[in-house]
PDB file of N, CA and C in Angstrom:
ATOM      1  N   MET A   1      16.098 139.286 114.651  1.00  0.00           N
ATOM      2  CA  MET A   1      15.487 138.216 113.886  1.00  0.00           C
ATOM      3  C   MET A   1      15.600 136.918 114.676  1.00  0.00           C
ATOM      4  N   PHE A   2      14.703 136.035 114.431  1.00  0.00           N
ATOM      5  CA  PHE A   2      14.712 134.749 115.111  1.00  0.00           C
ATOM      6  C   PHE A   2      15.771 133.853 114.495  1.00  0.00           C
ATOM      7  N   HIS A   3      16.369 133.046 115.319  1.00  0.00           N
ATOM      8  CA  HIS A   3      17.456 132.193 114.845  1.00  0.00           C
ATOM      9  C   HIS A   3      17.026 130.750 114.643  1.00  0.00           C
ATOM     10  N   HIS A   4      15.808 130.432 115.066  1.00  0.00           N
ATOM     11  CA  HIS A   4      15.385 129.046 114.957  1.00  0.00           C
ATOM     12  C   HIS A   4      13.861 128.976 114.970  1.00  0.00           C
ATOM     13  N   TYR A   5      13.302 128.045 114.205  1.00  0.00           N
ATOM     14  CA  TYR A   5      11.853 127.895 114.126  1.00  0.00           C
ATOM     15  C   TYR A   5      11.243 127.450 115.444  1.00  0.00           C
ATOM     16  N   ASP A   6      12.048 126.933 116.354  1.00  0.00           N
ATOM     17  CA  ASP A   6      11.534 126.441 117.629  1.00  0.00           C
ATOM     18  C   ASP A   6      11.599 127.509 118.728  1.00  0.00           C
ATOM     19  N   ASP A   7      11.989 128.710 118.352  1.00  0.00           N
ATOM     20  CA  ASP A   7      12.037 129.832 119.279  1.00  0.00           C
ATOM     21  C   ASP A   7      10.613 130.096 119.794  1.00  0.00           C
ATOM     22  N   HIS A   8      10.459 130.170 121.098  1.00  0.00           N
ATOM     23  CA  HIS A   8       9.133 130.359 121.713  1.00  0.00           C
ATOM     24  C   HIS A   8       8.458 131.627 121.187  1.00  0.00           C
ATOM     25  N   ARG A   9       9.217 132.694 121.040  1.00  0.00           N
ATOM     26  CA  ARG A   9       8.644 133.956 120.555  1.00  0.00           C
ATOM     27  C   ARG A   9       8.160 133.812 119.120  1.00  0.00           C
ATOM     28  N   PHE A  10       8.923 133.104 118.308  1.00  0.00           N
ATOM     29  CA  PHE A  10       8.539 132.888 116.915  1.00  0.00           C
ATOM     30  C   PHE A  10       7.226 132.115 116.852  1.00  0.00           C
ATOM     31  N   ARG A  11       7.139 131.044 117.603  1.00  0.00           N
ATOM     32  CA  ARG A  11       5.916 130.239 117.604  1.00  0.00           C
ATOM     33  C   ARG A  11       4.714 131.048 118.074  1.00  0.00           C
ATOM     34  N   LYS A  12       4.919 131.881 119.089  1.00  0.00           N
ATOM     35  CA  LYS A  12       3.823 132.697 119.617  1.00  0.00           C
ATOM     36  C   LYS A  12       3.330 133.686 118.563  1.00  0.00           C
ATOM     37  N   ILE A  13       4.249 134.312 117.852  1.00  0.00           N
ATOM     38  CA  ILE A  13       3.873 135.257 116.800  1.00  0.00           C
ATOM     39  C   ILE A  13       3.111 134.549 115.687  1.00  0.00           C
ATOM     40  N   ILE A  14       3.591 133.395 115.274  1.00  0.00           N
ATOM     41  CA  ILE A  14       2.918 132.634 114.210  1.00  0.00           C
ATOM     42  C   ILE A  14       1.539 132.186 114.674  1.00  0.00           C
ATOM     43  N   ASP A  15       1.435 131.720 115.906  1.00  0.00           N
ATOM     44  CA  ASP A  15       0.129 131.317 116.442  1.00  0.00           C
ATOM     45  C   ASP A  15      -0.852 132.489 116.456  1.00  0.00           C
ATOM     46  N   GLU A  16      -0.384 133.659 116.867  1.00  0.00           N
ATOM     47  CA  GLU A  16      -1.241 134.842 116.888  1.00  0.00           C
ATOM     48  C   GLU A  16      -1.657 135.238 115.469  1.00  0.00           C
ATOM     49  N   PHE A  17      -0.729 135.115 114.536  1.00  0.00           N
ATOM     50  CA  PHE A  17      -1.023 135.412 113.137  1.00  0.00           C
ATOM     51  C   PHE A  17      -2.117 134.474 112.619  1.00  0.00           C
ATOM     52  N   ILE A  18      -2.003 133.199 112.930  1.00  0.00           N
ATOM     53  CA  ILE A  18      -3.002 132.214 112.494  1.00  0.00           C
ATOM     54  C   ILE A  18      -4.366 132.556 113.079  1.00  0.00           C
ATOM     55  N   LEU A  19      -4.399 132.856 114.362  1.00  0.00           N
ATOM     56  CA  LEU A  19      -5.670 133.197 115.004  1.00  0.00           C
ATOM     57  C   LEU A  19      -6.281 134.458 114.408  1.00  0.00           C
ATOM     58  N   SER A  20      -5.460 135.413 114.062  1.00  0.00           N
ATOM     59  CA  SER A  20      -5.974 136.666 113.508  1.00  0.00           C
ATOM     60  C   SER A  20      -6.470 136.506 112.073  1.00  0.00           C
ATOM     61  N   SER A  21      -6.107 135.423 111.429  1.00  0.00           N
ATOM     62  CA  SER A  21      -6.520 135.208 110.042  1.00  0.00           C
ATOM     63  C   SER A  21      -7.861 134.489 109.932  1.00  0.00           C
ATOM     64  N   ALA A  22      -8.477 134.191 111.050  1.00  0.00           N
ATOM     65  CA  ALA A  22      -9.714 133.406 111.050  1.00  0.00           C
ATOM     66  C   ALA A  22     -10.811 134.036 110.194  1.00  0.00           C
ATOM     67  N   ASN A  23     -10.860 135.350 110.114  1.00  0.00           N
ATOM     68  CA  ASN A  23     -11.912 136.028 109.358  1.00  0.00           C
ATOM     69  C   ASN A  23     -11.492 136.401 107.940  1.00  0.00           C
ATOM     70  N   ASP A  24     -10.326 135.960 107.523  1.00  0.00           N
ATOM     71  CA  ASP A  24      -9.814 136.265 106.180  1.00  0.00           C
ATOM     72  C   ASP A  24      -9.668 134.955 105.414  1.00  0.00           C
ATOM     73  N   LYS A  25     -10.626 134.691 104.532  1.00  0.00           N
ATOM     74  CA  LYS A  25     -10.636 133.403 103.822  1.00  0.00           C
ATOM     75  C   LYS A  25      -9.397 133.212 102.959  1.00  0.00           C
ATOM     76  N   SER A  26      -8.931 134.261 102.326  1.00  0.00           N
ATOM     77  CA  SER A  26      -7.752 134.167 101.469  1.00  0.00           C
ATOM     78  C   SER A  26      -6.521 133.800 102.286  1.00  0.00           C
ATOM     79  N   LEU A  27      -6.348 134.464 103.404  1.00  0.00           N
ATOM     80  CA  LEU A  27      -5.212 134.186 104.277  1.00  0.00           C
ATOM     81  C   LEU A  27      -5.312 132.786 104.883  1.00  0.00           C
ATOM     82  N   SER A  28      -6.503 132.391 105.257  1.00  0.00           N
ATOM     83  CA  SER A  28      -6.709 131.042 105.793  1.00  0.00           C
ATOM     84  C   SER A  28      -6.340 129.978 104.765  1.00  0.00           C
ATOM     85  N   CYS A  29      -6.663 130.242 103.508  1.00  0.00           N
ATOM     86  CA  CYS A  29      -6.322 129.301 102.430  1.00  0.00           C
ATOM     87  C   CYS A  29      -4.805 129.209 102.259  1.00  0.00           C
ATOM     88  N   ILE A  30      -4.129 130.344 102.322  1.00  0.00           N
ATOM     89  CA  ILE A  30      -2.665 130.357 102.210  1.00  0.00           C
ATOM     90  C   ILE A  30      -2.039 129.561 103.353  1.00  0.00           C
ATOM     91  N   ILE A  31      -2.554 129.751 104.550  1.00  0.00           N
ATOM     92  CA  ILE A  31      -2.036 129.034 105.721  1.00  0.00           C
ATOM     93  C   ILE A  31      -2.245 127.531 105.562  1.00  0.00           C
ATOM     94  N   ARG A  32      -3.404 127.136 105.060  1.00  0.00           N
ATOM     95  CA  ARG A  32      -3.664 125.704 104.820  1.00  0.00           C
ATOM     96  C   ARG A  32      -2.690 125.140 103.789  1.00  0.00           C
ATOM     97  N   ASN A  33      -2.423 125.915 102.740  1.00  0.00           N
ATOM     98  CA  ASN A  33      -1.491 125.460 101.705  1.00  0.00           C
ATOM     99  C   ASN A  33      -0.070 125.307 102.251  1.00  0.00           C
ATOM    100  N   ILE A  34       0.336 126.247 103.091  1.00  0.00           N
ATOM    101  CA  ILE A  34       1.652 126.135 103.726  1.00  0.00           C
ATOM    102  C   ILE A  34       1.704 124.875 104.582  1.00  0.00           C
ATOM    103  N   ASP A  35       0.638 124.612 105.305  1.00  0.00           N
ATOM    104  CA  ASP A  35       0.576 123.424 106.161  1.00  0.00           C
ATOM    105  C   ASP A  35       0.640 122.150 105.317  1.00  0.00           C
ATOM    106  N   LEU A  36      -0.056 122.129 104.199  1.00  0.00           N
ATOM    107  CA  LEU A  36      -0.024 120.954 103.308  1.00  0.00           C
ATOM    108  C   LEU A  36       1.371 120.735 102.740  1.00  0.00           C
ATOM    109  N   GLU A  37       2.024 121.802 102.302  1.00  0.00           N
ATOM    110  CA  GLU A  37       3.382 121.690 101.767  1.00  0.00           C
ATOM    111  C   GLU A  37       4.364 121.221 102.838  1.00  0.00           C
ATOM    112  N   ALA A  38       4.173 121.697 104.060  1.00  0.00           N
ATOM    113  CA  ALA A  38       5.028 121.252 105.156  1.00  0.00           C
ATOM    114  C   ALA A  38       4.857 119.753 105.383  1.00  0.00           C
ATOM    115  N   ALA A  39       3.599 119.303 105.385  1.00  0.00           N
ATOM    116  CA  ALA A  39       3.321 117.876 105.589  1.00  0.00           C
ATOM    117  C   ALA A  39       3.946 117.044 104.466  1.00  0.00           C
ATOM    118  N   LYS A  40       3.837 117.511 103.225  1.00  0.00           N
ATOM    119  CA  LYS A  40       4.432 116.798 102.097  1.00  0.00           C
ATOM    120  C   LYS A  40       5.951 116.695 102.235  1.00  0.00           C
ATOM    121  N   SER A  41       6.544 117.741 102.802  1.00  0.00           N
ATOM    122  CA  SER A  41       8.000 117.773 102.972  1.00  0.00           C
ATOM    123  C   SER A  41       8.462 117.082 104.246  1.00  0.00           C
ATOM    124  N   GLY A  42       7.508 116.674 105.078  1.00  0.00           N
ATOM    125  CA  GLY A  42       7.854 115.983 106.315  1.00  0.00           C
ATOM    126  C   GLY A  42       8.426 116.907 107.382  1.00  0.00           C
ATOM    127  N   ILE A  43       8.031 118.186 107.333  1.00  0.00           N
ATOM    128  CA  ILE A  43       8.495 119.139 108.337  1.00  0.00           C
ATOM    129  C   ILE A  43       7.292 119.778 109.013  1.00  0.00           C
ATOM    130  N   SER A  44       7.544 120.479 110.103  1.00  0.00           N
ATOM    131  CA  SER A  44       6.444 121.124 110.813  1.00  0.00           C
ATOM    132  C   SER A  44       6.006 122.401 110.099  1.00  0.00           C
ATOM    133  N   PHE A  45       4.828 122.839 110.413  1.00  0.00           N
ATOM    134  CA  PHE A  45       4.309 124.095 109.876  1.00  0.00           C
ATOM    135  C   PHE A  45       5.247 125.240 110.235  1.00  0.00           C
ATOM    136  N   TYR A  46       5.727 125.245 111.480  1.00  0.00           N
ATOM    137  CA  TYR A  46       6.627 126.311 111.936  1.00  0.00           C
ATOM    138  C   TYR A  46       7.938 126.299 111.132  1.00  0.00           C
ATOM    139  N   GLN A  47       8.460 125.116 110.859  1.00  0.00           N
ATOM    140  CA  GLN A  47       9.674 125.024 110.048  1.00  0.00           C
ATOM    141  C   GLN A  47       9.444 125.597 108.655  1.00  0.00           C
ATOM    142  N   MET A  48       8.306 125.274 108.064  1.00  0.00           N
ATOM    143  CA  MET A  48       8.004 125.770 106.717  1.00  0.00           C
ATOM    144  C   MET A  48       7.872 127.287 106.718  1.00  0.00           C
ATOM    145  N   VAL A  49       7.164 127.836 107.674  1.00  0.00           N
ATOM    146  CA  VAL A  49       7.012 129.284 107.756  1.00  0.00           C
ATOM    147  C   VAL A  49       8.378 129.935 107.949  1.00  0.00           C
ATOM    148  N   PHE A  50       9.192 129.355 108.813  1.00  0.00           N
ATOM    149  CA  PHE A  50      10.527 129.900 109.067  1.00  0.00           C
ATOM    150  C   PHE A  50      11.349 129.899 107.779  1.00  0.00           C
ATOM    151  N   MET A  51      11.289 128.816 107.037  1.00  0.00           N
ATOM    152  CA  MET A  51      12.031 128.723 105.776  1.00  0.00           C
ATOM    153  C   MET A  51      11.541 129.765 104.771  1.00  0.00           C
ATOM    154  N   LEU A  52      10.228 129.955 104.703  1.00  0.00           N
ATOM    155  CA  LEU A  52       9.683 130.953 103.776  1.00  0.00           C
ATOM    156  C   LEU A  52      10.111 132.364 104.166  1.00  0.00           C
ATOM    157  N   ILE A  53      10.139 132.637 105.445  1.00  0.00           N
ATOM    158  CA  ILE A  53      10.587 133.953 105.918  1.00  0.00           C
ATOM    159  C   ILE A  53      12.060 134.145 105.591  1.00  0.00           C
ATOM    160  N   GLN A  54      12.874 133.119 105.848  1.00  0.00           N
ATOM    161  CA  GLN A  54      14.303 133.215 105.537  1.00  0.00           C
ATOM    162  C   GLN A  54      14.511 133.471 104.043  1.00  0.00           C
ATOM    163  N   LYS A  55      13.782 132.751 103.222  1.00  0.00           N
ATOM    164  CA  LYS A  55      13.893 132.899 101.773  1.00  0.00           C
ATOM    165  C   LYS A  55      13.531 134.328 101.363  1.00  0.00           C
ATOM    166  N   ASP A  56      12.482 134.875 101.952  1.00  0.00           N
ATOM    167  CA  ASP A  56      12.056 136.238 101.632  1.00  0.00           C
ATOM    168  C   ASP A  56      13.088 137.267 102.091  1.00  0.00           C
ATOM    169  N   VAL A  57      13.655 137.063 103.271  1.00  0.00           N
ATOM    170  CA  VAL A  57      14.681 137.976 103.784  1.00  0.00           C
ATOM    171  C   VAL A  57      15.887 137.983 102.850  1.00  0.00           C
ATOM    172  N   ILE A  58      16.314 136.812 102.418  1.00  0.00           N
ATOM    173  CA  ILE A  58      17.467 136.713 101.504  1.00  0.00           C
ATOM    174  C   ILE A  58      17.152 137.405 100.188  1.00  0.00           C
ATOM    175  N   LYS A  59      15.963 137.174  99.664  1.00  0.00           N
ATOM    176  CA  LYS A  59      15.558 137.796  98.412  1.00  0.00           C
ATOM    177  C   LYS A  59      15.555 139.319  98.544  1.00  0.00           C
ATOM    178  N   ASN A  60      15.014 139.820  99.652  1.00  0.00           N
ATOM    179  CA  ASN A  60      14.957 141.263  99.861  1.00  0.00           C
ATOM    180  C   ASN A  60      16.338 141.862 100.023  1.00  0.00           C
ATOM    181  N   ARG A  61      17.233 141.155 100.665  1.00  0.00           N
ATOM    182  CA  ARG A  61      18.607 141.649 100.821  1.00  0.00           C
ATOM    183  C   ARG A  61      19.301 141.746  99.477  1.00  0.00           C
ATOM    184  N   LYS A  62      19.074 140.776  98.622  1.00  0.00           N
ATOM    185  CA  LYS A  62      19.698 140.778  97.295  1.00  0.00           C
ATOM    186  C   LYS A  62      19.202 141.947  96.449  1.00  0.00           C
ATOM    187  N   THR A  63      17.912 142.273  96.551  1.00  0.00           N
ATOM    188  CA  THR A  63      17.365 143.355  95.743  1.00  0.00           C
ATOM    189  C   THR A  63      17.775 144.725  96.263  1.00  0.00           C
ATOM    190  N   LYS A  64      18.211 144.796  97.504  1.00  0.00           N
ATOM    191  CA  LYS A  64      18.602 146.073  98.091  1.00  0.00           C
ATOM    192  C   LYS A  64      20.102 146.327  98.019  1.00  0.00           C
ATOM    193  N   LEU A  65      20.865 145.379  97.490  1.00  0.00           N
ATOM    194  CA  LEU A  65      22.308 145.560  97.379  1.00  0.00           C
ATOM    195  C   LEU A  65      22.613 146.629  96.331  1.00  0.00           C
ATOM    196  N   PRO A  66      23.560 147.518  96.631  1.00  0.00           N
ATOM    197  CA  PRO A  66      23.912 148.533  95.633  1.00  0.00           C
ATOM    198  C   PRO A  66      24.605 147.905  94.424  1.00  0.00           C
ATOM    199  N   ILE A  67      24.361 148.464  93.305  1.00  0.00           N
ATOM    200  CA  ILE A  67      24.928 147.936  92.058  1.00  0.00           C
ATOM    201  C   ILE A  67      26.290 148.535  91.803  1.00  0.00           C
TER     202      ILE A  67
END
């Protein structure tokens, strides 16, 4: 897993993801919304995506813990 939003590999993957979403209007809209929320929070798009991924990883780990 990536340890920082400024990791070159992380940025490259996100950039490729953005480029691949060009033909998917729904995905493009989601990306724009993430960018708007990042701007409102005063952080970069990459930081916001990284935070969302971290949040999802934590959520998934919690749901997979044995009871």
